[in-house]
Protein backbone atom coordinates (compact mmCIF):
# COMPACT_ATOMS: atom_id res chain seq x y z
CA UNK A 1 -6.30 -47.33 48.24
CA UNK A 2 -2.51 -47.53 48.42
CA UNK A 3 -2.40 -44.39 50.48
CA UNK A 4 -4.89 -45.80 52.99
CA UNK A 5 -2.92 -49.02 53.38
CA UNK A 6 0.24 -47.00 53.89
CA UNK A 7 -1.37 -44.88 56.61
CA UNK A 8 -2.75 -47.94 58.36
CA UNK A 9 0.63 -49.66 58.31
CA UNK A 10 2.38 -46.58 59.63
CA UNK A 11 0.90 -46.99 63.10
CA UNK A 12 0.49 -50.76 63.10
CA UNK A 13 3.68 -51.39 65.09
CA UNK A 14 4.67 -52.10 68.73
CA UNK A 15 6.34 -48.71 69.29
CA UNK A 16 3.15 -46.81 68.48
CA UNK A 17 0.83 -49.18 70.32
CA UNK A 18 2.82 -49.50 73.57
CA UNK A 19 3.74 -45.82 73.90
CA UNK A 20 0.20 -44.67 73.04
CA UNK A 21 -1.27 -47.05 75.65
CA UNK A 22 1.16 -45.83 78.34
CA UNK A 23 0.37 -42.16 77.65
CA UNK A 24 -3.36 -42.91 77.52
CA UNK A 25 -3.10 -44.74 80.86
CA UNK A 26 -1.57 -41.69 82.60
CA UNK A 27 -4.12 -39.41 80.96
CA UNK A 28 -7.03 -41.53 82.22
CA UNK A 29 -5.44 -41.87 85.68
CA UNK A 30 -5.12 -38.11 85.99
CA UNK A 31 -8.64 -37.53 84.73
CA UNK A 32 -10.22 -40.03 87.14
CA UNK A 33 -8.02 -39.41 90.19
CA UNK A 34 -6.06 -36.15 89.92
CA UNK A 35 -5.18 -36.10 93.63
CA UNK A 36 -3.64 -39.58 93.42
CA UNK A 37 -1.53 -38.58 90.40
CA UNK A 38 -0.46 -35.35 92.11
CA UNK A 39 0.59 -37.16 95.30
CA UNK A 40 2.59 -39.78 93.44
CA UNK A 41 4.14 -37.16 91.18
CA UNK A 42 5.39 -35.17 94.17
CA UNK A 43 6.89 -38.27 95.78
CA UNK A 44 8.71 -39.25 92.61
CA UNK A 45 9.89 -35.67 92.09
CA UNK A 46 11.40 -35.49 95.58
CA UNK A 47 13.07 -38.91 95.34
CA UNK A 48 14.49 -38.46 91.84
CA UNK A 49 15.88 -34.96 92.30
CA UNK A 50 17.45 -35.86 95.66
CA UNK A 51 18.89 -39.27 94.74
CA UNK A 52 20.04 -38.65 91.15
CA UNK A 53 20.82 -34.94 91.01
CA UNK A 54 24.56 -35.70 90.97
CA UNK A 55 24.06 -38.08 88.04
CA UNK A 56 22.34 -35.41 85.94
CA UNK A 57 25.09 -32.86 86.67
CA UNK A 58 27.96 -35.20 85.82
CA UNK A 59 26.25 -36.52 82.69
CA UNK A 60 25.41 -33.12 81.21
CA UNK A 61 28.89 -31.77 81.97
CA UNK A 62 30.24 -34.78 80.06
CA UNK A 63 27.96 -34.00 77.10
CA UNK A 64 29.32 -30.43 76.99
CA UNK A 65 32.90 -31.71 76.91
CA UNK A 66 32.08 -34.24 74.19
CA UNK A 67 30.40 -31.60 71.98
CA UNK A 68 33.36 -29.23 72.27
CA UNK A 69 35.73 -32.09 71.44
CA UNK A 70 33.77 -32.95 68.29
CA UNK A 71 33.72 -29.32 67.14
CA UNK A 72 37.50 -28.82 67.41
CA UNK A 73 38.58 -32.34 66.41
CA UNK A 74 39.35 -33.82 63.00
CA UNK A 75 35.78 -35.18 62.92
CA UNK A 76 34.40 -31.63 62.57
CA UNK A 77 34.82 -31.67 58.78
CA UNK A 78 32.59 -34.72 58.28
CA UNK A 79 29.35 -33.88 56.45
CA UNK A 80 25.94 -34.92 57.71
CA UNK A 81 25.12 -36.41 54.35
CA UNK A 82 27.06 -36.85 51.14
CA UNK A 83 30.39 -35.04 50.87
CA UNK A 84 29.05 -32.65 48.20
CA UNK A 85 25.61 -32.11 49.76
CA UNK A 86 24.36 -28.57 50.44
CA UNK A 87 22.24 -27.49 53.47
CA UNK A 88 18.50 -27.86 52.92
CA UNK A 89 17.55 -24.61 54.71
CA UNK A 90 19.10 -21.12 54.80
CA UNK A 91 21.07 -20.14 57.89
CA UNK A 92 18.35 -17.75 59.16
CA UNK A 93 15.57 -20.33 58.72
CA UNK A 94 17.75 -23.03 60.30
CA UNK A 95 18.50 -20.89 63.37
CA UNK A 96 14.83 -19.85 63.61
CA UNK A 97 13.70 -23.47 63.57
CA UNK A 98 16.33 -24.42 66.17
CA UNK A 99 15.18 -21.72 68.55
CA UNK A 100 11.43 -22.02 67.96
CA UNK A 101 11.19 -25.79 68.15
CA UNK A 102 13.70 -25.84 71.00
CA UNK A 103 13.25 -23.64 74.01
CA UNK A 104 11.73 -20.41 72.77
CA UNK A 105 8.63 -20.76 74.92
CA UNK A 106 10.77 -21.49 77.99
CA UNK A 107 12.79 -18.31 77.47
CA UNK A 108 9.64 -16.20 77.28
CA UNK A 109 8.31 -17.87 80.44
CA UNK A 110 11.51 -17.57 82.50
CA UNK A 111 13.18 -14.54 80.88
CA UNK A 112 11.93 -12.19 83.58
CA UNK A 113 10.79 -14.71 86.19
CA UNK A 114 14.09 -16.52 86.73
CA UNK A 115 16.47 -13.56 87.29
CA UNK A 116 13.92 -11.88 89.57
CA UNK A 117 13.34 -15.12 91.51
CA UNK A 118 17.08 -15.61 92.08
CA UNK A 119 17.28 -11.92 93.02
CA UNK A 120 14.79 -12.58 95.83
CA UNK A 121 16.11 -16.06 96.73
CA UNK A 122 19.87 -16.14 95.92
CA UNK A 123 21.38 -19.49 94.87
CA UNK A 124 24.28 -19.14 97.31
CA UNK A 125 24.00 -18.99 101.10
CA UNK A 126 25.10 -15.78 102.80
CA UNK A 127 24.04 -13.47 99.96
CA UNK A 128 21.57 -10.79 100.99
CA UNK A 129 18.30 -10.98 98.99
CA UNK A 130 17.52 -8.08 96.63
CA UNK A 131 21.05 -6.68 96.89
CA UNK A 132 23.56 -5.74 94.19
CA UNK A 133 25.39 -9.02 94.82
CA UNK A 134 22.21 -11.11 94.51
CA UNK A 135 21.34 -9.30 91.24
CA UNK A 136 24.73 -10.17 89.74
CA UNK A 137 24.42 -13.75 90.98
CA UNK A 138 20.88 -13.99 89.58
CA UNK A 139 22.07 -13.07 86.11
CA UNK A 140 25.04 -15.45 86.28
CA UNK A 141 22.91 -18.47 87.20
CA UNK A 142 20.18 -17.53 84.72
CA UNK A 143 22.81 -17.59 81.98
CA UNK A 144 24.14 -20.89 83.27
CA UNK A 145 20.73 -22.58 83.39
CA UNK A 146 19.98 -21.43 79.81
CA UNK A 147 23.50 -21.80 78.41
CA UNK A 148 25.38 -24.47 76.50
CA UNK A 149 24.68 -27.22 79.03
CA UNK A 150 21.04 -27.33 77.94
CA UNK A 151 21.88 -27.28 74.26
CA UNK A 152 24.67 -29.86 74.57
CA UNK A 153 21.96 -32.48 75.17
CA UNK A 154 20.08 -31.45 72.02
CA UNK A 155 23.38 -31.39 70.13
CA UNK A 156 24.26 -34.98 71.08
CA UNK A 157 20.88 -36.43 70.10
CA UNK A 158 20.50 -34.32 66.95
CA UNK A 159 24.04 -35.00 65.76
CA UNK A 160 23.79 -38.75 66.33
CA UNK A 161 20.46 -38.95 64.51
CA UNK A 162 21.62 -36.78 61.60
CA UNK A 163 24.90 -38.69 61.24
CA UNK A 164 23.35 -42.16 61.17
CA UNK A 165 20.35 -41.02 59.12
CA UNK A 166 22.09 -38.97 56.42
CA UNK A 167 25.62 -40.37 56.46
CA UNK A 168 24.92 -44.04 57.16
CA UNK A 169 21.45 -44.18 55.55
CA UNK A 170 19.80 -45.52 58.72
CA UNK A 171 16.17 -44.95 59.68
CA UNK A 172 15.23 -41.77 61.53
CA UNK A 173 14.85 -43.55 64.87
CA UNK A 174 16.61 -42.99 68.20
CA UNK A 175 17.45 -46.71 68.37
CA UNK A 176 19.50 -46.43 65.15
CA UNK A 177 22.01 -44.17 66.92
CA UNK A 178 23.20 -47.18 68.94
CA UNK A 179 24.50 -48.97 65.82
CA UNK A 180 28.08 -48.09 66.77
CA UNK A 181 27.79 -50.29 69.86
CA UNK A 182 27.96 -53.99 69.13
CA UNK A 183 25.17 -55.67 71.09
CA UNK A 184 25.18 -59.48 70.92
CA UNK A 185 21.89 -60.38 72.59
CA UNK A 186 18.45 -58.83 72.65
CA UNK A 187 19.32 -56.14 70.10
CA UNK A 188 15.83 -55.88 68.57
CA UNK A 189 14.11 -55.83 71.95
CA UNK A 190 16.50 -53.10 73.14
CA UNK A 191 15.79 -51.03 70.01
CA UNK A 192 12.03 -51.23 70.52
CA UNK A 193 12.39 -50.33 74.21
CA UNK A 194 14.59 -47.34 73.36
CA UNK A 195 12.10 -46.07 70.77
CA UNK A 196 9.17 -46.50 73.16
CA UNK A 197 11.04 -44.66 75.90
CA UNK A 198 11.96 -41.89 73.44
CA UNK A 199 8.30 -41.43 72.51
CA UNK A 200 7.13 -41.34 76.14
CA UNK A 201 9.92 -38.90 77.10
CA UNK A 202 9.00 -36.69 74.15
CA UNK A 203 5.29 -36.56 74.97
CA UNK A 204 5.93 -35.79 78.64
CA UNK A 205 8.76 -33.33 77.94
CA UNK A 206 6.74 -31.39 75.38
CA UNK A 207 3.67 -31.47 77.62
CA UNK A 208 5.77 -29.84 80.34
CA UNK A 209 6.58 -26.88 78.09
CA UNK A 210 3.06 -26.67 76.71
CA UNK A 211 1.74 -26.62 80.26
CA UNK A 212 4.11 -23.82 81.28
CA UNK A 213 3.17 -21.74 78.24
CA UNK A 214 -0.54 -22.26 78.84
CA UNK A 215 -0.20 -21.26 82.50
CA UNK A 216 1.63 -18.11 81.36
CA UNK A 217 -0.99 -17.23 78.74
CA UNK A 218 -3.75 -17.66 81.32
CA UNK A 219 -1.73 -15.66 83.86
CA UNK A 220 -1.29 -12.86 81.30
CA UNK A 221 -4.95 -12.85 80.32
CA UNK A 222 -5.89 -12.68 84.01
CA UNK A 223 -3.40 -9.89 84.79
CA UNK A 224 -4.15 -7.75 81.73
CA UNK A 225 -7.82 -8.47 80.99
CA UNK A 226 -9.09 -10.02 84.29
CA UNK A 227 -9.93 -13.29 82.53
CA UNK A 228 -10.44 -16.11 85.11
CA UNK A 229 -7.24 -17.96 85.97
CA UNK A 230 -8.38 -21.52 86.58
CA UNK A 231 -8.27 -25.06 85.22
CA UNK A 232 -11.35 -24.54 83.03
CA UNK A 233 -9.82 -21.57 81.23
CA UNK A 234 -6.53 -23.45 80.85
CA UNK A 235 -8.41 -26.38 79.32
CA UNK A 236 -10.05 -24.01 76.81
CA UNK A 237 -6.60 -22.64 75.88
CA UNK A 238 -5.28 -26.19 75.39
CA UNK A 239 -8.19 -27.03 73.07
CA UNK A 240 -7.61 -23.86 71.02
CA UNK A 241 -3.92 -24.72 70.85
CA UNK A 242 -4.78 -28.28 69.79
CA UNK A 243 -6.87 -27.02 66.86
CA UNK A 244 -4.09 -24.64 65.77
CA UNK A 245 -1.20 -27.09 65.87
CA UNK A 246 -3.16 -29.89 64.22
CA UNK A 247 -4.07 -27.50 61.40
CA UNK A 248 -0.42 -26.48 61.08
CA UNK A 249 0.83 -30.09 61.27
CA UNK A 250 -1.09 -31.05 58.13
CA UNK A 251 0.79 -28.44 56.05
CA UNK A 252 4.18 -30.15 56.41
CA UNK A 253 7.70 -29.08 57.35
CA UNK A 254 8.37 -26.62 54.54
CA UNK A 255 5.19 -24.57 55.05
CA UNK A 256 3.65 -24.42 58.52
CA UNK A 257 6.71 -25.00 60.73
CA UNK A 258 9.04 -22.94 58.54
CA UNK A 259 6.60 -19.99 58.41
CA UNK A 260 5.88 -20.05 62.15
CA UNK A 261 9.58 -20.36 63.05
CA UNK A 262 10.54 -17.36 60.91
CA UNK A 263 7.63 -15.37 62.35
CA UNK A 264 8.76 -16.24 65.89
CA UNK A 265 12.32 -15.11 65.24
CA UNK A 266 11.23 -11.81 63.67
CA UNK A 267 8.96 -11.07 66.65
CA UNK A 268 11.75 -11.94 69.10
CA UNK A 269 14.20 -9.63 67.30
CA UNK A 270 11.67 -6.76 67.15
CA UNK A 271 10.82 -7.09 70.87
CA UNK A 272 14.48 -7.30 71.94
CA UNK A 273 15.44 -4.29 69.81
CA UNK A 274 12.58 -2.13 71.12
CA UNK A 275 13.13 -2.92 74.81
CA UNK A 276 16.91 -2.70 74.50
CA UNK A 277 16.69 0.94 73.41
CA UNK A 278 13.56 1.87 75.36
CA UNK A 279 14.91 0.32 78.56
CA UNK A 280 18.15 1.05 80.45
CA UNK A 281 20.38 0.35 77.42
CA UNK A 282 23.78 0.87 79.05
CA UNK A 283 22.81 -1.18 82.11
CA UNK A 284 21.53 -4.00 79.87
CA UNK A 285 24.74 -4.15 77.84
CA UNK A 286 26.90 -3.89 80.97
CA UNK A 287 24.96 -6.69 82.69
CA UNK A 288 25.16 -8.82 79.52
CA UNK A 289 28.95 -8.48 79.29
CA UNK A 290 29.43 -8.97 83.04
CA UNK A 291 27.03 -11.92 83.06
CA UNK A 292 28.91 -13.67 80.25
CA UNK A 293 32.20 -13.01 82.05
CA UNK A 294 30.84 -14.44 85.32
CA UNK A 295 29.40 -17.39 83.40
CA UNK A 296 32.73 -18.25 81.80
CA UNK A 297 34.79 -17.59 84.92
CA UNK A 298 32.61 -19.82 87.13
CA UNK A 299 31.73 -22.37 84.43
CA UNK A 300 33.34 -25.43 86.06
CA UNK A 301 32.17 -24.56 89.58
CA UNK A 302 28.54 -24.12 88.51
CA UNK A 303 28.67 -27.31 86.41
CA UNK A 304 29.30 -29.40 89.54
CA UNK A 305 27.70 -27.19 92.20
CA UNK A 306 25.77 -29.13 94.86
CA UNK A 307 24.87 -28.53 98.51
CA UNK A 308 25.33 -31.81 100.45
CA UNK A 309 26.56 -30.03 103.60
CA UNK A 310 23.79 -27.44 103.96
CA UNK A 311 20.87 -29.55 102.74
CA UNK A 312 19.65 -26.65 100.58
CA UNK A 313 17.41 -27.73 97.67
CA UNK A 314 18.14 -24.88 95.22
CA UNK A 315 20.17 -27.10 92.86
CA UNK A 316 17.43 -29.76 92.76
CA UNK A 317 14.72 -27.14 92.22
CA UNK A 318 16.49 -25.37 89.38
CA UNK A 319 19.55 -26.88 87.70
CA UNK A 320 18.62 -30.55 88.17
CA UNK A 321 15.08 -29.84 86.97
CA UNK A 322 16.41 -28.02 83.89
CA UNK A 323 18.83 -30.80 82.98
CA UNK A 324 16.09 -33.42 83.38
CA UNK A 325 13.70 -31.26 81.38
CA UNK A 326 16.06 -30.94 78.42
CA UNK A 327 16.90 -34.65 78.50
CA UNK A 328 13.18 -35.44 78.35
CA UNK A 329 12.88 -32.98 75.46
CA UNK A 330 15.98 -34.26 73.67
CA UNK A 331 14.41 -37.06 71.56
CA UNK A 332 11.97 -34.51 70.12
CA UNK A 333 14.33 -31.55 69.66
CA UNK A 334 17.17 -33.84 68.55
CA UNK A 335 14.98 -35.55 65.94
CA UNK A 336 13.71 -32.23 64.64
CA UNK A 337 17.15 -30.61 64.58
CA UNK A 338 18.54 -33.64 62.74
CA UNK A 339 15.73 -33.45 60.18
CA UNK A 340 16.55 -29.81 59.28
CA UNK A 341 20.37 -30.13 59.36
CA UNK A 342 21.15 -32.30 56.35
CA UNK A 343 24.19 -31.11 54.42
CA UNK A 344 25.95 -29.30 57.28
CA UNK A 345 29.31 -30.35 58.68
CA UNK A 346 29.64 -31.62 62.24
CA UNK A 347 31.52 -28.42 63.14
CA UNK A 348 28.76 -26.23 61.69
CA UNK A 349 26.14 -28.29 63.48
CA UNK A 350 27.81 -28.18 66.89
CA UNK A 351 28.61 -24.46 66.74
CA UNK A 352 25.15 -23.60 65.43
CA UNK A 353 23.19 -25.70 67.93
CA UNK A 354 25.48 -25.27 70.94
CA UNK A 355 26.24 -21.53 70.70
CA UNK A 356 23.62 -19.56 68.73
CA UNK A 357 20.40 -20.38 70.68
CA UNK A 358 22.11 -19.78 74.07
CA UNK A 359 23.40 -16.48 72.67
CA UNK A 360 19.85 -15.42 71.83
CA UNK A 361 18.71 -16.58 75.29
CA UNK A 362 21.45 -14.49 76.97
CA UNK A 363 20.31 -11.40 75.06
CA UNK A 364 16.65 -11.98 76.00
CA UNK A 365 17.54 -12.57 79.67
CA UNK A 366 19.76 -9.48 79.79
CA UNK A 367 17.14 -7.24 78.14
CA UNK A 368 14.02 -8.37 79.99
CA UNK A 369 15.45 -9.86 83.19
CA UNK A 370 18.12 -7.16 83.38
CA UNK A 371 15.51 -4.42 82.99
CA UNK A 372 13.48 -5.93 85.84
CA UNK A 373 16.56 -6.00 88.08
CA UNK A 374 17.41 -2.41 87.18
CA UNK A 375 13.92 -1.16 88.02
CA UNK A 376 13.84 -2.91 91.40
CA UNK A 377 17.38 -1.77 92.29
CA UNK A 378 17.22 1.85 91.13
CA UNK A 379 13.58 2.82 90.60
CA UNK A 380 12.00 1.21 93.69
CA UNK A 381 9.53 -0.94 91.75
CA UNK A 382 8.28 -4.22 93.19
CA UNK A 383 8.59 -6.54 90.20
CA UNK A 384 10.41 -9.25 92.18
CA UNK A 385 7.68 -9.19 94.82
CA UNK A 386 4.98 -9.63 92.16
CA UNK A 387 6.95 -12.47 90.55
CA UNK A 388 7.24 -14.30 93.88
CA UNK A 389 3.44 -14.21 94.15
CA UNK A 390 2.73 -15.48 90.63
CA UNK A 391 5.59 -16.51 88.36
CA UNK A 392 3.30 -16.74 85.31
CA UNK A 393 2.70 -12.96 85.31
CA UNK A 394 6.38 -11.92 85.47
CA UNK A 395 6.78 -10.51 81.96
CA UNK A 396 3.40 -8.73 82.12
CA UNK A 397 4.31 -7.01 85.41
CA UNK A 398 7.46 -5.73 83.70
CA UNK A 399 5.58 -4.55 80.61
CA UNK A 400 3.33 -2.45 82.83
CA UNK A 401 6.30 -0.13 83.44
CA UNK A 402 6.51 0.72 79.71
CA UNK A 403 4.31 2.61 77.25
CA UNK A 404 1.97 0.65 74.94
CA UNK A 405 1.40 -1.85 77.76
CA UNK A 406 -1.71 -3.48 76.29
CA UNK A 407 -0.20 -3.67 72.80
CA UNK A 408 3.00 -5.38 73.95
CA UNK A 409 1.08 -7.67 76.31
CA UNK A 410 -0.93 -8.92 73.34
CA UNK A 411 2.28 -9.31 71.29
CA UNK A 412 3.90 -11.36 74.07
CA UNK A 413 0.85 -13.60 74.40
CA UNK A 414 0.78 -14.04 70.62
CA UNK A 415 4.50 -14.89 70.68
CA UNK A 416 3.94 -17.50 73.40
CA UNK A 417 1.04 -18.97 71.47
CA UNK A 418 3.07 -19.17 68.23
CA UNK A 419 5.97 -20.74 70.11
CA UNK A 420 3.59 -23.31 71.58
CA UNK A 421 2.02 -24.07 68.20
CA UNK A 422 5.49 -24.41 66.62
CA UNK A 423 6.75 -26.69 69.40
CA UNK A 424 3.62 -28.83 69.37
CA UNK A 425 3.53 -28.93 65.57
CA UNK A 426 7.18 -30.02 65.48
CA UNK A 427 6.58 -32.55 68.26
CA UNK A 428 3.62 -34.10 66.47
CA UNK A 429 5.76 -34.38 63.33
CA UNK A 430 8.63 -36.02 65.25
CA UNK A 431 6.32 -38.38 67.16
CA UNK A 432 4.86 -39.41 63.82
CA UNK A 433 8.36 -40.22 62.55
CA UNK A 434 9.26 -42.15 65.70
CA UNK A 435 6.16 -44.32 65.58
CA UNK A 436 6.09 -44.85 61.81
CA UNK A 437 9.34 -46.74 61.43
CA UNK A 438 11.38 -43.57 60.96
CA UNK A 439 9.33 -42.22 58.02
CA UNK A 440 10.37 -38.66 57.09
CA UNK A 441 6.76 -37.93 56.10
CA UNK A 442 4.43 -39.58 58.64
CA UNK A 443 0.73 -39.79 57.89
CA UNK A 444 -1.72 -37.15 59.12
CA UNK A 445 -3.62 -39.86 61.01
CA UNK A 446 -0.63 -40.64 63.23
CA UNK A 447 0.11 -36.96 63.78
CA UNK A 448 -3.49 -36.25 64.80
CA UNK A 449 -3.55 -39.16 67.27
CA UNK A 450 -0.39 -37.88 68.96
CA UNK A 451 -1.71 -34.34 68.92
CA UNK A 452 -4.82 -35.37 70.85
CA UNK A 453 -2.88 -37.53 73.34
CA UNK A 454 -0.38 -34.73 73.97
CA UNK A 455 -3.18 -32.25 74.64
CA UNK A 456 -4.83 -34.77 76.98
CA UNK A 457 -1.74 -35.36 79.12
CA UNK A 458 -1.10 -31.59 79.26
CA UNK A 459 -4.59 -30.93 80.60
CA UNK A 460 -4.27 -33.75 83.13
CA UNK A 461 -0.89 -32.53 84.42
CA UNK A 462 -2.14 -28.94 84.78
CA UNK A 463 -5.37 -29.91 86.56
CA UNK A 464 -3.83 -32.53 88.84
CA UNK A 465 -0.81 -30.66 90.15
CA UNK A 466 0.19 -27.69 88.00
CA UNK A 467 3.91 -26.97 87.75
CA UNK A 468 4.78 -29.69 90.28
CA UNK A 469 3.21 -32.39 88.14
CA UNK A 470 4.88 -31.02 85.03
CA UNK A 471 8.30 -30.99 86.74
CA UNK A 472 7.86 -34.47 88.17
CA UNK A 473 6.86 -35.89 84.80
CA UNK A 474 10.01 -34.51 83.18
CA UNK A 475 12.31 -35.84 85.91
CA UNK A 476 10.86 -39.35 85.76
CA UNK A 477 11.03 -39.73 81.99
CA UNK A 478 14.53 -38.23 81.83
CA UNK A 479 16.32 -40.60 84.20
CA UNK A 480 16.42 -43.74 82.00
CA UNK A 481 16.97 -41.67 78.87
CA UNK A 482 20.17 -40.22 80.34
CA UNK A 483 21.68 -43.70 80.13
CA UNK A 484 20.64 -43.91 76.48
CA UNK A 485 22.32 -40.55 75.82
CA UNK A 486 25.58 -41.89 77.25
CA UNK A 487 25.35 -44.99 75.03
CA UNK A 488 24.49 -42.74 72.08
CA UNK A 489 27.63 -40.64 72.64
CA UNK A 490 29.81 -43.74 72.76
CA UNK A 491 28.18 -45.14 69.62
CA UNK A 492 28.66 -41.86 67.73
CA UNK A 493 32.33 -41.60 68.70
CA UNK A 494 33.09 -45.17 67.64
CA UNK A 495 31.30 -44.70 64.33
CA UNK A 496 33.07 -41.40 63.62
CA UNK A 497 36.43 -42.96 64.38
CA UNK A 498 35.66 -45.86 62.05
CA UNK A 499 34.37 -43.48 59.37
CA UNK A 500 37.55 -41.41 59.61
CA UNK A 501 39.80 -44.49 59.46
CA UNK A 502 37.96 -45.81 56.39
CA UNK A 503 38.24 -42.41 54.67
CA UNK A 504 41.97 -42.24 55.35
CA UNK A 505 42.47 -45.79 54.08
CA UNK A 506 40.48 -44.98 50.94
CA UNK A 507 42.57 -41.86 50.40
CA UNK A 508 45.82 -43.77 50.87
CA UNK A 509 44.70 -46.49 48.42
CA UNK A 510 43.74 -43.81 45.90
CA UNK A 511 47.13 -42.13 46.25
CA UNK A 512 48.89 -45.46 45.81
CA UNK A 513 46.88 -46.17 42.65
CA UNK A 514 47.78 -42.77 41.24
CA UNK A 515 51.43 -43.37 42.07
CA UNK A 516 51.39 -46.78 40.36
CA UNK A 517 49.71 -45.28 37.31
CA UNK A 518 52.31 -42.51 37.19
CA UNK A 519 55.19 -45.01 37.39
CA UNK A 520 53.59 -47.19 34.73
CA UNK A 521 53.50 -44.23 32.38
């Protein structure tokens, strides 16, 4: 009986009720009038990316600078927990969870598609498409879009949540990260609004990635096995995915998510190793080194690159969308990363979250995207042309140039599916925490409700407007949350500074006491 009362109470709160109603409203709207949702989504997408693109670029560049400052500063030694606390998970499991619950599915989707798309449509004016220069530029901007800028957003949210949760003993809620800012009026209302916005941003952000993965699975099934590529098949895939991630969500953090994350990482390492040595190895390593060099050399320029004089929309279509996407994802990924990072220092956390996943992404891009560029440049294949026709089939078109095509196609589809299950499983867990007062072990009832709603909004977005609807949803939910991220950064800095000052004062008092005791003796 106690357990039932606990479960009932866990979702009997305004955050759960309001956010669930809002998500349900959009799901019903899309189901009843998909054309209306698609039209409005496109309008909002165009307005947001055009009017606030500069704001996203400046904000994310600021987050990168703040993360680097924290890593190299005196605050880097502060533990996310008690001073003598040890990390809860091993380094390999921790990295696997970071990558799997973060952007693993996005890397698989865009690993071939993005470099080949930029190869055909270069980011900079005056560069000849499908030339050596456009290939080099394609790799540079692919690294940039999947580099530390993306992960700086996750780092800020995850670090703030982990610090306040494990160091200051606050609840595991996004609103608790604003404790460092002294708000005189309307504090409770602001906290509820922030938590509701975090939940909505999480559902829409995760639905965007689920939608992309489902489109890619359907595209692969169509390309390899001639399975129909339509909304009905995509709905079937969503329902299968729903059953899998709800089953996994009931097993908890230390079983389902941990097992799936480790499996993902092993598959990723096996695939990268095979295609590194089976593909153009020297070219891949050369393009990786050159790409990293170009990335570092042009880091500042790309961080603030816009095209107000030409009117070109490349930045809005790619970089602005990515930054908005990760900001929409950040409450989810940040909450999950915080949950698995107890016992690590701030320096460990920042280096691990900010550097390691982008490093894995660079390797994947260089191996798979680099191989596609090599084949089009030197072997007269038409991978870029196929990608321009259907971006969801990019990796499968590339695999066709290798032996064991069917085997590796199935492996890739399995990898995408596991990534999707891991992301959705983690998201359901985090949404349960967010809407259960910050509980570290939310009830299965809450997790199942969010699982169903997330599947519903994913289906609606795919049917109503495909990738456009998914992109628009991310941009809309990200805009207000960017302001919260800025407040979160300020709150974290003030709290760290206060924490450091108190520690120094305590140390000085202790030294004075020892000195007095020594003199007394």
